[in-house]
């Protein structure tokens, strides 16, 4: 029975991924900041699929919470089989976490980085799946403003975070070459979810368009499930997938100096909490 962590698993793509893996009898570890939603998800999975998943309440926009979650999982389970980094959000107005990081950067990138780096240190092979997006195109990271302090734009900050997910995937792949662990990223499709429902009017308009033109969360989960379940690609690593096929990510996303620079910057932040 594979042991699988899913972040952001209480709604949307994450929930549908949890359902899909519950059918395959994975031992699921779900993490979210909302305990009531976690409990509701646990009841649903237990009722519909007869599995007893484990739930953990942590705010993954905070570095320390990611570290604490890792330490708790390590102590209880030891090695895991799959890490699915799915949590993410768009913030119309610039917010900072209590640790001083811009919230999009903290949640959408640093959570992926911290969990991927820490869990990939385990002895047994690990398969990491990072949910990125086609939104990574037509943007650069802008190392002079990674905390998005200048002329904040929520959509651009989100796009930068999705580019960061791909940089992380490619850089971690290089660092895992001597191991049997793998890391891949993907575009789930333009998914009809509620990730922008708490934001201001422009994002509500965008969310309405997505609801009309987008794919369902179940459809959006298919590439994630493909990467988990398809043994033909179990050794594939360092790839970007779309519609269950490896495709080319943006030219900018292949800039090795940028991926190394982002890694070093992220590692410096993490070091303060270890």
C-alpha atoms as a PDB file:
ATOM      1  CA  UNK A   1       0.000   0.000   0.000  1.00  0.00           C
ATOM      2  CA  UNK A   2       1.709   3.232  -1.147  1.00  0.00           C
ATOM      3  CA  UNK A   3       1.870   6.090   1.346  1.00  0.00           C
ATOM      4  CA  UNK A   4       0.975   9.374  -0.347  1.00  0.00           C
ATOM      5  CA  UNK A   5       0.930  12.982   0.850  1.00  0.00           C
ATOM      6  CA  UNK A   6      -1.419  15.419  -0.880  1.00  0.00           C
ATOM      7  CA  UNK A   7      -1.327  19.110  -0.033  1.00  0.00           C
ATOM      8  CA  UNK A   8      -4.434  21.181  -0.685  1.00  0.00           C
ATOM      9  CA  UNK A   9      -6.579  18.042  -0.717  1.00  0.00           C
ATOM     10  CA  UNK A  10      -9.882  19.345   0.676  1.00  0.00           C
ATOM     11  CA  UNK A  11     -11.296  20.727  -2.578  1.00  0.00           C
ATOM     12  CA  UNK A  12     -10.815  20.911  -6.328  1.00  0.00           C
ATOM     13  CA  UNK A  13      -8.004  18.972  -7.967  1.00  0.00           C
ATOM     14  CA  UNK A  14      -6.573  17.853  -4.647  1.00  0.00           C
ATOM     15  CA  UNK A  15      -9.843  16.303  -3.503  1.00  0.00           C
ATOM     16  CA  UNK A  16     -10.367  14.520  -6.820  1.00  0.00           C
ATOM     17  CA  UNK A  17      -6.792  13.245  -6.657  1.00  0.00           C
ATOM     18  CA  UNK A  18      -7.471  11.929  -3.156  1.00  0.00           C
ATOM     19  CA  UNK A  19     -10.599  10.153  -4.414  1.00  0.00           C
ATOM     20  CA  UNK A  20      -8.710   8.626  -7.317  1.00  0.00           C
ATOM     21  CA  UNK A  21      -5.921   7.330  -5.094  1.00  0.00           C
ATOM     22  CA  UNK A  22      -8.395   6.129  -2.466  1.00  0.00           C
ATOM     23  CA  UNK A  23      -9.773   3.806  -5.150  1.00  0.00           C
ATOM     24  CA  UNK A  24      -6.243   2.444  -5.535  1.00  0.00           C
ATOM     25  CA  UNK A  25      -6.039   1.946  -1.755  1.00  0.00           C
ATOM     26  CA  UNK A  26      -3.219   4.394  -1.115  1.00  0.00           C
ATOM     27  CA  UNK A  27      -2.499   5.298   2.482  1.00  0.00           C
ATOM     28  CA  UNK A  28      -3.401   8.978   2.232  1.00  0.00           C
ATOM     29  CA  UNK A  29      -1.921  11.777   4.310  1.00  0.00           C
ATOM     30  CA  UNK A  30      -3.839  15.009   3.764  1.00  0.00           C
ATOM     31  CA  UNK A  31      -2.673  18.407   4.978  1.00  0.00           C
ATOM     32  CA  UNK A  32      -4.536  21.721   5.058  1.00  0.00           C
ATOM     33  CA  UNK A  33      -4.958  24.740   7.306  1.00  0.00           C
ATOM     34  CA  UNK A  34      -8.726  24.146   7.601  1.00  0.00           C
ATOM     35  CA  UNK A  35      -9.482  21.399  10.120  1.00  0.00           C
ATOM     36  CA  UNK A  36     -13.230  21.259   9.463  1.00  0.00           C
ATOM     37  CA  UNK A  37     -12.641  20.712   5.732  1.00  0.00           C
ATOM     38  CA  UNK A  38     -10.056  18.062   6.519  1.00  0.00           C
ATOM     39  CA  UNK A  39     -12.506  16.243   8.774  1.00  0.00           C
ATOM     40  CA  UNK A  40     -15.220  16.453   6.121  1.00  0.00           C
ATOM     41  CA  UNK A  41     -12.831  15.071   3.493  1.00  0.00           C
ATOM     42  CA  UNK A  42     -11.805  12.250   5.814  1.00  0.00           C
ATOM     43  CA  UNK A  43     -15.462  11.281   6.385  1.00  0.00           C
ATOM     44  CA  UNK A  44     -16.146  11.364   2.649  1.00  0.00           C
ATOM     45  CA  UNK A  45     -13.197   9.117   1.787  1.00  0.00           C
ATOM     46  CA  UNK A  46     -14.011   6.720   4.606  1.00  0.00           C
ATOM     47  CA  UNK A  47     -17.668   6.510   3.570  1.00  0.00           C
ATOM     48  CA  UNK A  48     -17.163   6.209  -0.196  1.00  0.00           C
ATOM     49  CA  UNK A  49     -13.918   4.228  -0.392  1.00  0.00           C
ATOM     50  CA  UNK A  50     -13.598   2.562   3.010  1.00  0.00           C
ATOM     51  CA  UNK A  51     -10.152   3.966   3.714  1.00  0.00           C
ATOM     52  CA  UNK A  52      -8.950   5.633   6.885  1.00  0.00           C
ATOM     53  CA  UNK A  53      -6.790   8.545   5.750  1.00  0.00           C
ATOM     54  CA  UNK A  54      -4.743  10.646   8.150  1.00  0.00           C
ATOM     55  CA  UNK A  55      -5.265  14.407   8.339  1.00  0.00           C
ATOM     56  CA  UNK A  56      -2.957  17.172   9.553  1.00  0.00           C
ATOM     57  CA  UNK A  57      -3.753  20.812  10.193  1.00  0.00           C
ATOM     58  CA  UNK A  58      -0.874  23.038   9.104  1.00  0.00           C
ATOM     59  CA  UNK A  59      -0.672  26.420   7.399  1.00  0.00           C
ATOM     60  CA  UNK A  60       1.645  25.642   4.489  1.00  0.00           C
ATOM     61  CA  UNK A  61       2.241  29.317   3.720  1.00  0.00           C
ATOM     62  CA  UNK A  62       4.566  29.250   6.747  1.00  0.00           C
ATOM     63  CA  UNK A  63       8.027  27.687   6.518  1.00  0.00           C
ATOM     64  CA  UNK A  64       7.988  26.537  10.127  1.00  0.00           C
ATOM     65  CA  UNK A  65       4.651  24.781   9.652  1.00  0.00           C
ATOM     66  CA  UNK A  66       6.032  22.874   6.654  1.00  0.00           C
ATOM     67  CA  UNK A  67       9.062  21.832   8.693  1.00  0.00           C
ATOM     68  CA  UNK A  68       6.876  20.753  11.619  1.00  0.00           C
ATOM     69  CA  UNK A  69       4.649  18.742   9.290  1.00  0.00           C
ATOM     70  CA  UNK A  70       7.681  17.010   7.777  1.00  0.00           C
ATOM     71  CA  UNK A  71       9.089  16.154  11.191  1.00  0.00           C
ATOM     72  CA  UNK A  72       5.768  14.727  12.365  1.00  0.00           C
ATOM     73  CA  UNK A  73       5.383  12.573   9.248  1.00  0.00           C
ATOM     74  CA  UNK A  74       8.989  11.391   9.451  1.00  0.00           C
ATOM     75  CA  UNK A  75       8.514  10.362  13.065  1.00  0.00           C
ATOM     76  CA  UNK A  76       5.230   8.553  12.464  1.00  0.00           C
ATOM     77  CA  UNK A  77       5.724   6.942   9.053  1.00  0.00           C
ATOM     78  CA  UNK A  78       9.381   7.056   8.115  1.00  0.00           C
ATOM     79  CA  UNK A  79       9.667   7.014   4.331  1.00  0.00           C
ATOM     80  CA  UNK A  80       6.755   7.841   2.022  1.00  0.00           C
ATOM     81  CA  UNK A  81       6.118   6.859  -1.595  1.00  0.00           C
ATOM     82  CA  UNK A  82       4.522   9.915  -3.208  1.00  0.00           C
ATOM     83  CA  UNK A  83       4.522  13.636  -2.449  1.00  0.00           C
ATOM     84  CA  UNK A  84       1.914  15.590  -4.403  1.00  0.00           C
ATOM     85  CA  UNK A  85       2.467  19.332  -4.026  1.00  0.00           C
ATOM     86  CA  UNK A  86      -0.890  20.750  -5.065  1.00  0.00           C
ATOM     87  CA  UNK A  87      -1.683  23.573  -2.643  1.00  0.00           C
ATOM     88  CA  UNK A  88      -1.969  27.018  -4.209  1.00  0.00           C
ATOM     89  CA  UNK A  89      -3.879  30.276  -4.325  1.00  0.00           C
ATOM     90  CA  UNK A  90      -4.098  33.686  -5.952  1.00  0.00           C
ATOM     91  CA  UNK A  91      -4.170  36.773  -3.739  1.00  0.00           C
ATOM     92  CA  UNK A  92      -5.613  39.932  -5.253  1.00  0.00           C
ATOM     93  CA  UNK A  93      -4.057  42.153  -2.602  1.00  0.00           C
ATOM     94  CA  UNK A  94      -0.487  41.729  -1.444  1.00  0.00           C
ATOM     95  CA  UNK A  95      -0.287  39.923   1.893  1.00  0.00           C
ATOM     96  CA  UNK A  96       2.673  38.910   4.012  1.00  0.00           C
ATOM     97  CA  UNK A  97       2.849  35.899   6.280  1.00  0.00           C
ATOM     98  CA  UNK A  98       3.877  36.307   9.915  1.00  0.00           C
ATOM     99  CA  UNK A  99       7.312  35.132   8.756  1.00  0.00           C
ATOM    100  CA  UNK A 100       7.584  38.126   6.428  1.00  0.00           C
ATOM    101  CA  UNK A 101       7.177  36.375   3.072  1.00  0.00           C
ATOM    102  CA  UNK A 102       4.745  37.490   0.396  1.00  0.00           C
ATOM    103  CA  UNK A 103       1.939  34.971   0.659  1.00  0.00           C
ATOM    104  CA  UNK A 104       1.850  33.761  -2.963  1.00  0.00           C
ATOM    105  CA  UNK A 105       5.580  33.064  -2.817  1.00  0.00           C
ATOM    106  CA  UNK A 106       5.302  31.431   0.593  1.00  0.00           C
ATOM    107  CA  UNK A 107       2.375  29.145  -0.208  1.00  0.00           C
ATOM    108  CA  UNK A 108       2.773  28.402  -3.912  1.00  0.00           C
ATOM    109  CA  UNK A 109       6.558  28.055  -4.012  1.00  0.00           C
ATOM    110  CA  UNK A 110       8.204  27.724  -0.614  1.00  0.00           C
ATOM    111  CA  UNK A 111       5.825  24.980   0.527  1.00  0.00           C
ATOM    112  CA  UNK A 112       6.743  22.957  -2.571  1.00  0.00           C
ATOM    113  CA  UNK A 113      10.437  23.650  -2.003  1.00  0.00           C
ATOM    114  CA  UNK A 114      10.518  22.831   1.704  1.00  0.00           C
ATOM    115  CA  UNK A 115       8.544  19.598   1.482  1.00  0.00           C
ATOM    116  CA  UNK A 116      10.349  18.433  -1.669  1.00  0.00           C
ATOM    117  CA  UNK A 117      13.797  19.125  -0.275  1.00  0.00           C
ATOM    118  CA  UNK A 118      13.143  17.559   3.117  1.00  0.00           C
ATOM    119  CA  UNK A 119      11.275  14.447   2.005  1.00  0.00           C
ATOM    120  CA  UNK A 120      13.729  13.777  -0.852  1.00  0.00           C
ATOM    121  CA  UNK A 121      16.422  13.133   1.759  1.00  0.00           C
ATOM    122  CA  UNK A 122      14.789   9.815   2.668  1.00  0.00           C
ATOM    123  CA  UNK A 123      16.513   6.518   1.928  1.00  0.00           C
ATOM    124  CA  UNK A 124      13.844   4.867  -0.213  1.00  0.00           C
ATOM    125  CA  UNK A 125      12.817   6.164  -3.657  1.00  0.00           C
ATOM    126  CA  UNK A 126      10.286   9.009  -3.608  1.00  0.00           C
ATOM    127  CA  UNK A 127       8.133  10.243  -6.473  1.00  0.00           C
ATOM    128  CA  UNK A 128       7.388  13.963  -6.272  1.00  0.00           C
ATOM    129  CA  UNK A 129       4.649  15.579  -8.358  1.00  0.00           C
ATOM    130  CA  UNK A 130       4.424  19.370  -8.511  1.00  0.00           C
ATOM    131  CA  UNK A 131       1.220  20.945  -9.799  1.00  0.00           C
ATOM    132  CA  UNK A 132       2.317  23.884 -11.936  1.00  0.00           C
ATOM    133  CA  UNK A 133       0.354  25.555 -14.740  1.00  0.00           C
ATOM    134  CA  UNK A 134       0.507  26.908 -18.268  1.00  0.00           C
ATOM    135  CA  UNK A 135       0.303  30.236 -16.454  1.00  0.00           C
ATOM    136  CA  UNK A 136       4.097  29.944 -16.137  1.00  0.00           C
ATOM    137  CA  UNK A 137       4.457  31.173 -19.718  1.00  0.00           C
ATOM    138  CA  UNK A 138       5.125  34.786 -20.731  1.00  0.00           C
ATOM    139  CA  UNK A 139       6.628  35.750 -17.378  1.00  0.00           C
ATOM    140  CA  UNK A 140      10.067  35.965 -15.786  1.00  0.00           C
ATOM    141  CA  UNK A 141      10.801  35.509 -12.118  1.00  0.00           C
ATOM    142  CA  UNK A 142      12.410  38.893 -11.503  1.00  0.00           C
ATOM    143  CA  UNK A 143      15.069  38.168  -8.900  1.00  0.00           C
ATOM    144  CA  UNK A 144      15.153  41.820  -7.896  1.00  0.00           C
ATOM    145  CA  UNK A 145      11.589  41.452  -6.576  1.00  0.00           C
ATOM    146  CA  UNK A 146      10.867  37.853  -5.608  1.00  0.00           C
ATOM    147  CA  UNK A 147       8.685  39.096  -2.753  1.00  0.00           C
ATOM    148  CA  UNK A 148       6.481  41.023  -5.197  1.00  0.00           C
ATOM    149  CA  UNK A 149       6.784  44.382  -3.447  1.00  0.00           C
ATOM    150  CA  UNK A 150       6.803  46.568  -6.562  1.00  0.00           C
ATOM    151  CA  UNK A 151       3.503  47.323  -8.279  1.00  0.00           C
ATOM    152  CA  UNK A 152       1.866  44.187  -6.917  1.00  0.00           C
ATOM    153  CA  UNK A 153      -0.362  42.270  -9.309  1.00  0.00           C
ATOM    154  CA  UNK A 154      -1.974  39.086  -8.012  1.00  0.00           C
ATOM    155  CA  UNK A 155      -2.131  37.359 -11.378  1.00  0.00           C
ATOM    156  CA  UNK A 156       1.527  38.087 -12.185  1.00  0.00           C
ATOM    157  CA  UNK A 157       2.559  36.883  -8.736  1.00  0.00           C
ATOM    158  CA  UNK A 158       0.662  33.653  -9.357  1.00  0.00           C
ATOM    159  CA  UNK A 159       2.303  33.228 -12.774  1.00  0.00           C
ATOM    160  CA  UNK A 160       5.735  33.720 -11.204  1.00  0.00           C
ATOM    161  CA  UNK A 161       4.958  31.073  -8.587  1.00  0.00           C
ATOM    162  CA  UNK A 162       4.026  28.564 -11.286  1.00  0.00           C
ATOM    163  CA  UNK A 163       7.306  29.284 -13.081  1.00  0.00           C
ATOM    164  CA  UNK A 164       9.041  28.741  -9.743  1.00  0.00           C
ATOM    165  CA  UNK A 165       7.382  25.300  -9.504  1.00  0.00           C
ATOM    166  CA  UNK A 166       9.012  24.327 -12.795  1.00  0.00           C
ATOM    167  CA  UNK A 167      12.408  25.729 -11.794  1.00  0.00           C
ATOM    168  CA  UNK A 168      12.165  23.668  -8.605  1.00  0.00           C
ATOM    169  CA  UNK A 169      11.280  20.531 -10.566  1.00  0.00           C
ATOM    170  CA  UNK A 170      14.181  20.862 -12.998  1.00  0.00           C
ATOM    171  CA  UNK A 171      16.724  21.786 -10.335  1.00  0.00           C
ATOM    172  CA  UNK A 172      15.663  19.029  -7.944  1.00  0.00           C
ATOM    173  CA  UNK A 173      15.789  16.536 -10.816  1.00  0.00           C
ATOM    174  CA  UNK A 174      19.484  17.347 -11.290  1.00  0.00           C
ATOM    175  CA  UNK A 175      20.118  16.855  -7.594  1.00  0.00           C
ATOM    176  CA  UNK A 176      18.319  13.493  -7.551  1.00  0.00           C
ATOM    177  CA  UNK A 177      20.154  11.955 -10.512  1.00  0.00           C
ATOM    178  CA  UNK A 178      22.251   9.690  -8.305  1.00  0.00           C
ATOM    179  CA  UNK A 179      19.164   8.429  -6.482  1.00  0.00           C
ATOM    180  CA  UNK A 180      16.136   6.461  -7.626  1.00  0.00           C
ATOM    181  CA  UNK A 181      13.753   9.271  -6.677  1.00  0.00           C
ATOM    182  CA  UNK A 182      11.943  11.259  -9.358  1.00  0.00           C
ATOM    183  CA  UNK A 183      10.271  14.641  -9.674  1.00  0.00           C
ATOM    184  CA  UNK A 184       7.916  15.892 -12.365  1.00  0.00           C
ATOM    185  CA  UNK A 185       5.518  18.796 -12.794  1.00  0.00           C
ATOM    186  CA  UNK A 186       2.332  19.304 -14.745  1.00  0.00           C
ATOM    187  CA  UNK A 187      -0.393  21.561 -16.042  1.00  0.00           C
ATOM    188  CA  UNK A 188      -3.762  20.203 -14.836  1.00  0.00           C
ATOM    189  CA  UNK A 189      -5.804  22.223 -17.301  1.00  0.00           C
ATOM    190  CA  UNK A 190      -7.762  25.410 -16.707  1.00  0.00           C
ATOM    191  CA  UNK A 191      -9.715  23.944 -13.844  1.00  0.00           C
ATOM    192  CA  UNK A 192     -13.071  25.073 -12.501  1.00  0.00           C
ATOM    193  CA  UNK A 193     -12.200  25.412  -8.790  1.00  0.00           C
ATOM    194  CA  UNK A 194     -12.880  27.913  -6.010  1.00  0.00           C
ATOM    195  CA  UNK A 195      -9.266  28.983  -5.533  1.00  0.00           C
ATOM    196  CA  UNK A 196     -10.065  32.616  -6.371  1.00  0.00           C
ATOM    197  CA  UNK A 197     -13.486  32.860  -4.759  1.00  0.00           C
ATOM    198  CA  UNK A 198     -12.313  34.928  -1.793  1.00  0.00           C
ATOM    199  CA  UNK A 199     -10.683  37.617  -3.897  1.00  0.00           C
ATOM    200  CA  UNK A 200     -11.843  40.891  -5.410  1.00  0.00           C
ATOM    201  CA  UNK A 201     -13.959  41.634  -8.484  1.00  0.00           C
ATOM    202  CA  UNK A 202     -11.346  41.125 -11.256  1.00  0.00           C
ATOM    203  CA  UNK A 203     -10.607  37.654  -9.967  1.00  0.00           C
ATOM    204  CA  UNK A 204     -14.284  36.856  -9.551  1.00  0.00           C
ATOM    205  CA  UNK A 205     -14.729  37.732 -13.226  1.00  0.00           C
ATOM    206  CA  UNK A 206     -11.810  35.467 -14.122  1.00  0.00           C
ATOM    207  CA  UNK A 207     -13.230  32.700 -11.928  1.00  0.00           C
ATOM    208  CA  UNK A 208     -16.585  33.032 -13.708  1.00  0.00           C
ATOM    209  CA  UNK A 209     -14.886  32.612 -17.090  1.00  0.00           C
ATOM    210  CA  UNK A 210     -13.005  29.573 -15.813  1.00  0.00           C
ATOM    211  CA  UNK A 211     -16.258  28.050 -14.569  1.00  0.00           C
ATOM    212  CA  UNK A 212     -17.701  28.442 -18.053  1.00  0.00           C
ATOM    213  CA  UNK A 213     -14.703  27.400 -20.163  1.00  0.00           C
ATOM    214  CA  UNK A 214     -12.622  25.319 -17.744  1.00  0.00           C
ATOM    215  CA  UNK A 215     -12.434  21.600 -17.132  1.00  0.00           C
ATOM    216  CA  UNK A 216     -13.848  19.933 -14.040  1.00  0.00           C
ATOM    217  CA  UNK A 217     -11.618  19.196 -11.028  1.00  0.00           C
ATOM    218  CA  UNK A 218     -11.982  15.487 -11.835  1.00  0.00           C
ATOM    219  CA  UNK A 219     -10.664  16.086 -15.342  1.00  0.00           C
ATOM    220  CA  UNK A 220      -7.932  18.272 -13.871  1.00  0.00           C
ATOM    221  CA  UNK A 221      -6.748  15.451 -11.631  1.00  0.00           C
ATOM    222  CA  UNK A 222      -6.173  13.015 -14.486  1.00  0.00           C
ATOM    223  CA  UNK A 223      -2.564  13.951 -15.263  1.00  0.00           C
ATOM    224  CA  UNK A 224      -1.658  13.698 -11.574  1.00  0.00           C
ATOM    225  CA  UNK A 225      -3.244  10.246 -11.382  1.00  0.00           C
ATOM    226  CA  UNK A 226      -1.474   9.268 -14.590  1.00  0.00           C
ATOM    227  CA  UNK A 227       1.894  10.185 -13.084  1.00  0.00           C
ATOM    228  CA  UNK A 228       1.113   8.165  -9.964  1.00  0.00           C
ATOM    229  CA  UNK A 229      -0.465   5.084 -11.520  1.00  0.00           C
ATOM    230  CA  UNK A 230       1.335   4.544 -14.833  1.00  0.00           C
ATOM    231  CA  UNK A 231       4.271   2.217 -14.213  1.00  0.00           C
ATOM    232  CA  UNK A 232       5.597   2.824 -17.736  1.00  0.00           C
ATOM    233  CA  UNK A 233       6.776   6.260 -16.616  1.00  0.00           C
ATOM    234  CA  UNK A 234       7.745   5.456 -13.043  1.00  0.00           C
ATOM    235  CA  UNK A 235      11.386   6.317 -13.849  1.00  0.00           C
ATOM    236  CA  UNK A 236      10.596   9.488 -15.799  1.00  0.00           C
ATOM    237  CA  UNK A 237      11.940  12.604 -14.115  1.00  0.00           C
ATOM    238  CA  UNK A 238      12.537  16.278 -14.785  1.00  0.00           C
ATOM    239  CA  UNK A 239       9.588  16.563 -17.161  1.00  0.00           C
ATOM    240  CA  UNK A 240       6.598  18.864 -17.606  1.00  0.00           C
ATOM    241  CA  UNK A 241       3.319  17.093 -18.425  1.00  0.00           C
ATOM    242  CA  UNK A 242       0.080  18.280 -19.986  1.00  0.00           C
ATOM    243  CA  UNK A 243      -2.903  16.038 -20.800  1.00  0.00           C
ATOM    244  CA  UNK A 244      -0.890  13.003 -19.665  1.00  0.00           C
ATOM    245  CA  UNK A 245       1.908  13.749 -22.125  1.00  0.00           C
ATOM    246  CA  UNK A 246       5.370  15.284 -21.619  1.00  0.00           C
ATOM    247  CA  UNK A 247       5.513  18.674 -23.342  1.00  0.00           C
ATOM    248  CA  UNK A 248       7.991  21.523 -23.540  1.00  0.00           C
ATOM    249  CA  UNK A 249       7.695  24.187 -20.875  1.00  0.00           C
ATOM    250  CA  UNK A 250       8.645  27.779 -21.666  1.00  0.00           C
ATOM    251  CA  UNK A 251      12.141  28.657 -22.864  1.00  0.00           C
ATOM    252  CA  UNK A 252      12.642  30.786 -19.752  1.00  0.00           C
ATOM    253  CA  UNK A 253      11.872  27.813 -17.499  1.00  0.00           C
ATOM    254  CA  UNK A 254      14.962  25.992 -18.821  1.00  0.00           C
ATOM    255  CA  UNK A 255      17.375  28.698 -17.635  1.00  0.00           C
ATOM    256  CA  UNK A 256      19.681  26.727 -15.339  1.00  0.00           C
ATOM    257  CA  UNK A 257      21.232  29.800 -13.759  1.00  0.00           C
ATOM    258  CA  UNK A 258      17.780  30.977 -12.717  1.00  0.00           C
ATOM    259  CA  UNK A 259      16.765  27.603 -11.291  1.00  0.00           C
ATOM    260  CA  UNK A 260      20.020  27.413  -9.325  1.00  0.00           C
ATOM    261  CA  UNK A 261      19.608  30.974  -8.088  1.00  0.00           C
ATOM    262  CA  UNK A 262      16.039  30.322  -6.931  1.00  0.00           C
ATOM    263  CA  UNK A 263      17.169  27.131  -5.186  1.00  0.00           C
ATOM    264  CA  UNK A 264      19.912  28.987  -3.306  1.00  0.00           C
ATOM    265  CA  UNK A 265      17.527  31.799  -2.340  1.00  0.00           C
ATOM    266  CA  UNK A 266      14.904  29.324  -1.104  1.00  0.00           C
ATOM    267  CA  UNK A 267      17.477  27.254   0.752  1.00  0.00           C
ATOM    268  CA  UNK A 268      18.702  30.345   2.575  1.00  0.00           C
ATOM    269  CA  UNK A 269      15.153  31.080   3.741  1.00  0.00           C
ATOM    270  CA  UNK A 270      14.628  27.482   4.858  1.00  0.00           C
ATOM    271  CA  UNK A 271      17.919  27.398   6.781  1.00  0.00           C
ATOM    272  CA  UNK A 272      16.518  29.876   9.304  1.00  0.00           C
ATOM    273  CA  UNK A 273      13.899  27.324  10.387  1.00  0.00           C
ATOM    274  CA  UNK A 274      15.984  24.154  10.644  1.00  0.00           C
END
